[in-house]
């Protein structure tokens, strides 16, 4: 059974990071997970500093300042007695993924920082974490403009395909949705007959086309395999648009999407993660 017991919250003390804190607390409240705050001290010594003092002394001073900032950051939301606070040095995205992997974290929660979160922004820390992390990542571009729904409101939308990896994604979404006690809806998109047509969501039990029938049969097989009884929405149109439309219609708390299990330029960078994060009206859980 998939559970979330350990949440990693990378922080850089930015406004968008502070705005993400309520989403971290909501996830922890629902699952009773422990939250660990992580700050990465990246190399930033200036030429003037290196002329005056050895590099190690400069790095130690930076770590001392970072530790003081981390220990005093959002103490009421994350009391030091309940939430561990880690300091590591290095390149931020690589160290975040490494800490999550080495310490067995179940979930990373962090915002995007780019004003326009496009796929071309591969230098973004969050984009790199999405590509490199082995565990699921919850993120949103809109942390400063939206707030978590009440604990009683729990509606999730999950994109589901028909590939071999779809069972992994559905199994995770089903098990975590059960632990969060949320209503889970599955969205599958098939190609529109003509480009440019608006997205159409089919909620009827009987599909009208052979393609819809085949998709429903395959999704039923997947649901039986993982023990899911989620509502199935068949959309006609691009999957990203179908997801966004379903999330808005259902006032979803979260959109769940699968990442390729293969990292790198031939794997995770080729999926729809970044486009969905950019446009979704709620946080996106990438698994």
Protein backbone atom coordinates (compact mmCIF):
# COMPACT_ATOMS: atom_id res chain seq x y z
CA UNK A 1 0.00 0.00 0.00
CA UNK A 2 1.43 3.38 -1.01
CA UNK A 3 1.49 5.90 1.83
CA UNK A 4 3.05 9.30 2.35
CA UNK A 5 4.95 9.39 5.63
CA UNK A 6 7.87 11.69 4.85
CA UNK A 7 7.53 14.99 2.95
CA UNK A 8 10.55 16.99 1.78
CA UNK A 9 9.98 20.74 1.50
CA UNK A 10 12.93 22.47 -0.22
CA UNK A 11 13.00 26.16 0.77
CA UNK A 12 14.86 29.19 -0.54
CA UNK A 13 12.99 31.76 1.60
CA UNK A 14 11.27 33.28 -1.46
CA UNK A 15 7.65 34.54 -1.43
CA UNK A 16 6.53 31.70 -3.70
CA UNK A 17 8.15 29.21 -1.34
CA UNK A 18 6.37 30.74 1.65
CA UNK A 19 3.12 30.60 -0.33
CA UNK A 20 3.64 26.87 -0.85
CA UNK A 21 3.76 26.23 2.90
CA UNK A 22 -0.06 25.85 3.29
CA UNK A 23 -0.03 23.12 0.63
CA UNK A 24 2.71 21.31 2.54
CA UNK A 25 0.77 21.60 5.79
CA UNK A 26 -2.44 20.39 4.14
CA UNK A 27 -0.70 17.28 2.77
CA UNK A 28 0.92 16.59 6.12
CA UNK A 29 -2.35 17.11 8.02
CA UNK A 30 -4.24 14.63 5.87
CA UNK A 31 -1.57 11.93 5.93
CA UNK A 32 0.04 12.62 9.35
CA UNK A 33 3.36 12.76 7.50
CA UNK A 34 6.51 14.29 8.92
CA UNK A 35 7.82 17.36 7.10
CA UNK A 36 11.52 18.08 6.64
CA UNK A 37 12.65 21.51 5.46
CA UNK A 38 15.73 21.50 3.24
CA UNK A 39 17.86 24.45 2.18
CA UNK A 40 20.66 24.05 -0.34
CA UNK A 41 23.59 26.46 -0.09
CA UNK A 42 24.79 26.93 -3.64
CA UNK A 43 28.31 28.18 -4.48
CA UNK A 44 28.15 31.97 -4.47
CA UNK A 45 31.52 33.27 -3.29
CA UNK A 46 32.50 36.54 -4.95
CA UNK A 47 35.95 37.33 -6.24
CA UNK A 48 36.36 39.96 -3.51
CA UNK A 49 35.57 37.45 -0.78
CA UNK A 50 38.06 34.96 -2.17
CA UNK A 51 40.76 37.63 -2.24
CA UNK A 52 40.20 38.38 1.42
CA UNK A 53 39.70 34.90 2.85
CA UNK A 54 40.10 31.20 2.01
CA UNK A 55 37.19 29.58 0.17
CA UNK A 56 36.37 27.24 3.06
CA UNK A 57 35.94 30.16 5.47
CA UNK A 58 33.61 31.91 3.03
CA UNK A 59 31.55 28.72 2.60
CA UNK A 60 31.32 28.24 6.37
CA UNK A 61 30.04 31.80 6.81
CA UNK A 62 27.41 31.26 4.12
CA UNK A 63 26.29 28.05 5.81
CA UNK A 64 26.05 29.81 9.20
CA UNK A 65 23.82 32.51 7.69
CA UNK A 66 21.73 29.89 5.89
CA UNK A 67 21.30 27.88 9.07
CA UNK A 68 20.12 30.94 10.99
CA UNK A 69 17.64 31.80 8.22
CA UNK A 70 16.34 28.23 8.03
CA UNK A 71 15.91 27.85 11.80
CA UNK A 72 13.89 31.06 11.98
CA UNK A 73 11.78 30.50 8.86
CA UNK A 74 8.03 29.93 9.46
CA UNK A 75 8.49 28.62 13.01
CA UNK A 76 4.75 28.63 13.80
CA UNK A 77 3.86 26.65 10.68
CA UNK A 78 6.74 24.20 11.08
CA UNK A 79 7.91 24.03 14.71
CA UNK A 80 11.52 22.93 15.00
CA UNK A 81 10.45 20.22 17.44
CA UNK A 82 8.20 18.63 14.78
CA UNK A 83 9.94 19.44 11.49
CA UNK A 84 13.58 18.62 10.90
CA UNK A 85 15.65 21.23 9.07
CA UNK A 86 18.54 20.19 6.84
CA UNK A 87 21.35 22.24 5.29
CA UNK A 88 23.37 20.83 2.40
CA UNK A 89 25.72 22.43 -0.11
CA UNK A 90 25.91 22.05 -3.86
CA UNK A 91 23.75 22.48 -6.95
CA UNK A 92 20.18 22.85 -5.71
CA UNK A 93 18.22 20.47 -7.95
CA UNK A 94 20.80 17.70 -7.82
CA UNK A 95 21.05 17.88 -4.03
CA UNK A 96 17.26 17.96 -3.56
CA UNK A 97 16.83 14.82 -5.66
CA UNK A 98 19.75 13.18 -3.87
CA UNK A 99 18.45 13.95 -0.36
CA UNK A 100 14.98 12.71 -1.31
CA UNK A 101 16.42 9.47 -2.64
CA UNK A 102 18.98 8.82 0.11
CA UNK A 103 16.60 9.58 2.98
CA UNK A 104 13.60 7.76 1.55
CA UNK A 105 11.20 10.68 1.19
CA UNK A 106 7.79 9.82 -0.23
CA UNK A 107 6.97 13.25 -1.65
CA UNK A 108 8.70 16.50 -2.61
CA UNK A 109 6.59 19.67 -2.41
CA UNK A 110 7.93 22.84 -4.02
CA UNK A 111 6.68 25.75 -6.16
CA UNK A 112 7.84 26.83 -9.56
CA UNK A 113 9.66 30.14 -9.58
CA UNK A 114 9.56 31.12 -13.23
CA UNK A 115 7.00 33.74 -14.18
CA UNK A 116 6.17 31.66 -17.25
CA UNK A 117 6.92 28.02 -16.60
CA UNK A 118 7.72 26.78 -20.08
CA UNK A 119 9.45 23.66 -21.14
CA UNK A 120 12.37 25.71 -22.43
CA UNK A 121 13.23 26.78 -18.87
CA UNK A 122 15.38 23.73 -18.20
CA UNK A 123 17.53 25.78 -15.84
CA UNK A 124 14.66 26.02 -13.37
CA UNK A 125 15.39 24.17 -10.14
CA UNK A 126 11.88 22.73 -10.05
CA UNK A 127 12.11 21.62 -13.68
CA UNK A 128 15.32 19.76 -12.92
CA UNK A 129 13.84 18.17 -9.80
CA UNK A 130 10.82 17.02 -11.85
CA UNK A 131 13.25 15.41 -14.25
CA UNK A 132 15.65 13.87 -11.73
CA UNK A 133 13.61 12.93 -8.63
CA UNK A 134 12.63 9.31 -8.17
CA UNK A 135 9.72 10.10 -5.84
CA UNK A 136 6.54 12.03 -6.73
CA UNK A 137 6.74 15.83 -6.87
CA UNK A 138 3.87 18.18 -6.01
CA UNK A 139 4.20 21.64 -7.51
CA UNK A 140 2.21 24.60 -8.74
CA UNK A 141 2.98 27.83 -10.51
CA UNK A 142 0.13 29.57 -8.73
CA UNK A 143 1.01 29.21 -5.03
CA UNK A 144 0.88 32.96 -4.48
CA UNK A 145 -2.55 33.39 -6.10
CA UNK A 146 -4.46 30.28 -4.94
CA UNK A 147 -4.85 28.65 -1.55
CA UNK A 148 -5.50 25.06 -0.53
CA UNK A 149 -9.13 24.04 -0.30
CA UNK A 150 -10.58 23.09 3.05
CA UNK A 151 -9.65 19.67 4.39
CA UNK A 152 -13.21 18.51 3.70
CA UNK A 153 -12.90 19.24 -0.04
CA UNK A 154 -10.97 16.48 -1.75
CA UNK A 155 -11.37 16.03 -5.50
CA UNK A 156 -8.53 14.71 -7.64
CA UNK A 157 -8.26 14.33 -11.39
CA UNK A 158 -5.80 11.81 -12.84
CA UNK A 159 -4.65 11.60 -16.45
CA UNK A 160 -4.74 7.99 -17.57
CA UNK A 161 -3.29 6.52 -20.73
CA UNK A 162 -3.42 3.03 -22.18
CA UNK A 163 0.31 2.24 -22.16
CA UNK A 164 2.16 -0.33 -20.08
CA UNK A 165 3.12 2.40 -17.58
CA UNK A 166 -0.50 3.42 -17.02
CA UNK A 167 -1.04 0.72 -14.42
CA UNK A 168 1.79 2.13 -12.28
CA UNK A 169 0.32 5.63 -12.42
CA UNK A 170 -3.22 4.44 -11.70
CA UNK A 171 -2.10 2.22 -8.84
CA UNK A 172 -0.27 5.09 -7.18
CA UNK A 173 -3.14 7.54 -7.70
CA UNK A 174 -5.68 5.03 -6.37
CA UNK A 175 -3.72 4.11 -3.26
CA UNK A 176 -2.79 7.68 -2.35
CA UNK A 177 -6.32 8.88 -3.08
CA UNK A 178 -7.59 6.22 -0.67
CA UNK A 179 -5.17 7.37 2.03
CA UNK A 180 -6.20 10.99 1.44
CA UNK A 181 -9.90 9.99 1.34
CA UNK A 182 -10.46 11.85 -1.93
CA UNK A 183 -12.81 11.34 -4.85
CA UNK A 184 -10.73 10.29 -7.85
CA UNK A 185 -11.75 10.89 -11.47
CA UNK A 186 -9.79 9.51 -14.42
CA UNK A 187 -9.41 11.47 -17.64
CA UNK A 188 -8.44 9.80 -20.90
CA UNK A 189 -8.23 11.74 -24.16
CA UNK A 190 -8.60 10.47 -27.70
CA UNK A 191 -7.75 12.47 -30.79
CA UNK A 192 -10.32 14.82 -32.22
CA UNK A 193 -11.47 14.21 -35.76
CA UNK A 194 -10.41 17.69 -36.79
CA UNK A 195 -7.72 19.92 -35.28
CA UNK A 196 -8.89 22.99 -33.41
CA UNK A 197 -12.15 21.54 -32.13
CA UNK A 198 -13.01 22.32 -28.49
CA UNK A 199 -12.48 19.64 -25.86
CA UNK A 200 -15.51 17.45 -25.30
CA UNK A 201 -15.96 15.45 -22.08
CA UNK A 202 -18.07 12.31 -22.40
CA UNK A 203 -19.57 11.23 -19.06
CA UNK A 204 -22.07 8.74 -20.47
CA UNK A 205 -21.71 5.06 -19.59
CA UNK A 206 -22.08 3.97 -23.19
CA UNK A 207 -19.42 5.25 -25.56
CA UNK A 208 -20.57 5.92 -29.10
CA UNK A 209 -17.41 5.18 -31.06
CA UNK A 210 -15.24 2.09 -31.32
CA UNK A 211 -12.26 4.08 -30.08
CA UNK A 212 -14.11 5.17 -26.98
CA UNK A 213 -15.30 1.62 -26.36
CA UNK A 214 -11.78 0.25 -26.67
CA UNK A 215 -10.43 2.93 -24.32
CA UNK A 216 -13.13 2.23 -21.73
CA UNK A 217 -12.47 -1.51 -21.88
CA UNK A 218 -8.73 -0.99 -21.38
CA UNK A 219 -9.32 1.41 -18.48
CA UNK A 220 -11.72 -1.06 -16.90
CA UNK A 221 -8.97 -3.68 -17.07
CA UNK A 222 -6.52 -1.29 -15.45
CA UNK A 223 -9.01 -0.43 -12.71
CA UNK A 224 -9.65 -4.10 -11.96
CA UNK A 225 -5.91 -4.74 -11.78
CA UNK A 226 -5.35 -2.04 -9.14
CA UNK A 227 -8.69 -2.20 -7.34
CA UNK A 228 -9.90 1.22 -8.51
CA UNK A 229 -13.51 2.32 -8.92
CA UNK A 230 -12.85 5.86 -10.07
CA UNK A 231 -15.20 7.75 -12.35
CA UNK A 232 -13.93 7.65 -15.96
CA UNK A 233 -14.12 10.70 -18.20
CA UNK A 234 -13.46 10.15 -21.91
CA UNK A 235 -12.37 13.39 -23.59
CA UNK A 236 -12.08 14.17 -27.26
CA UNK A 237 -9.16 16.52 -27.80
CA UNK A 238 -5.64 17.18 -26.45
CA UNK A 239 -4.96 15.51 -23.09
CA UNK A 240 -3.63 18.70 -21.50
CA UNK A 241 -6.75 20.66 -22.41
CA UNK A 242 -8.97 17.79 -21.27
CA UNK A 243 -7.23 17.65 -17.90
CA UNK A 244 -7.51 21.39 -17.36
CA UNK A 245 -11.19 21.38 -18.32
CA UNK A 246 -11.95 18.46 -16.01
CA UNK A 247 -10.01 20.02 -13.12
CA UNK A 248 -11.95 23.27 -13.49
CA UNK A 249 -15.30 21.56 -13.85
CA UNK A 250 -14.74 19.43 -10.73
CA UNK A 251 -13.00 22.20 -8.74
CA UNK A 252 -10.16 19.74 -8.24
CA UNK A 253 -7.67 20.05 -5.41
CA UNK A 254 -5.00 18.26 -7.41
CA UNK A 255 -4.16 16.95 -10.86
CA UNK A 256 -2.20 13.69 -10.99
CA UNK A 257 -0.05 12.91 -14.02
CA UNK A 258 2.55 10.28 -14.81
CA UNK A 259 6.15 11.03 -15.61
CA UNK A 260 8.18 8.72 -17.78
CA UNK A 261 10.11 6.27 -15.58
CA UNK A 262 13.18 7.06 -17.68
CA UNK A 263 15.00 10.30 -16.72
CA UNK A 264 16.88 12.54 -19.10
CA UNK A 265 16.23 14.06 -22.49
CA UNK A 266 14.79 10.82 -23.87
CA UNK A 267 12.48 10.27 -20.92
CA UNK A 268 10.85 12.67 -18.52
CA UNK A 269 11.65 15.80 -20.52
CA UNK A 270 9.42 14.59 -23.34
CA UNK A 271 6.13 14.41 -21.44
CA UNK A 272 3.45 17.02 -20.72
CA UNK A 273 4.49 17.75 -17.14
CA UNK A 274 5.62 21.33 -17.65
CA UNK A 275 2.71 22.36 -19.84
CA UNK A 276 0.21 20.94 -17.33
CA UNK A 277 1.95 22.63 -14.37
CA UNK A 278 1.89 25.94 -16.21
CA UNK A 279 -1.83 25.90 -16.97
CA UNK A 280 -3.48 23.80 -14.27
CA UNK A 281 -5.77 25.71 -11.86
CA UNK A 282 -4.49 23.64 -8.92
CA UNK A 283 -1.29 21.86 -7.84
CA UNK A 284 0.02 19.02 -9.99
CA UNK A 285 1.29 15.75 -8.55
CA UNK A 286 3.80 14.22 -10.95
CA UNK A 287 4.43 10.53 -10.26
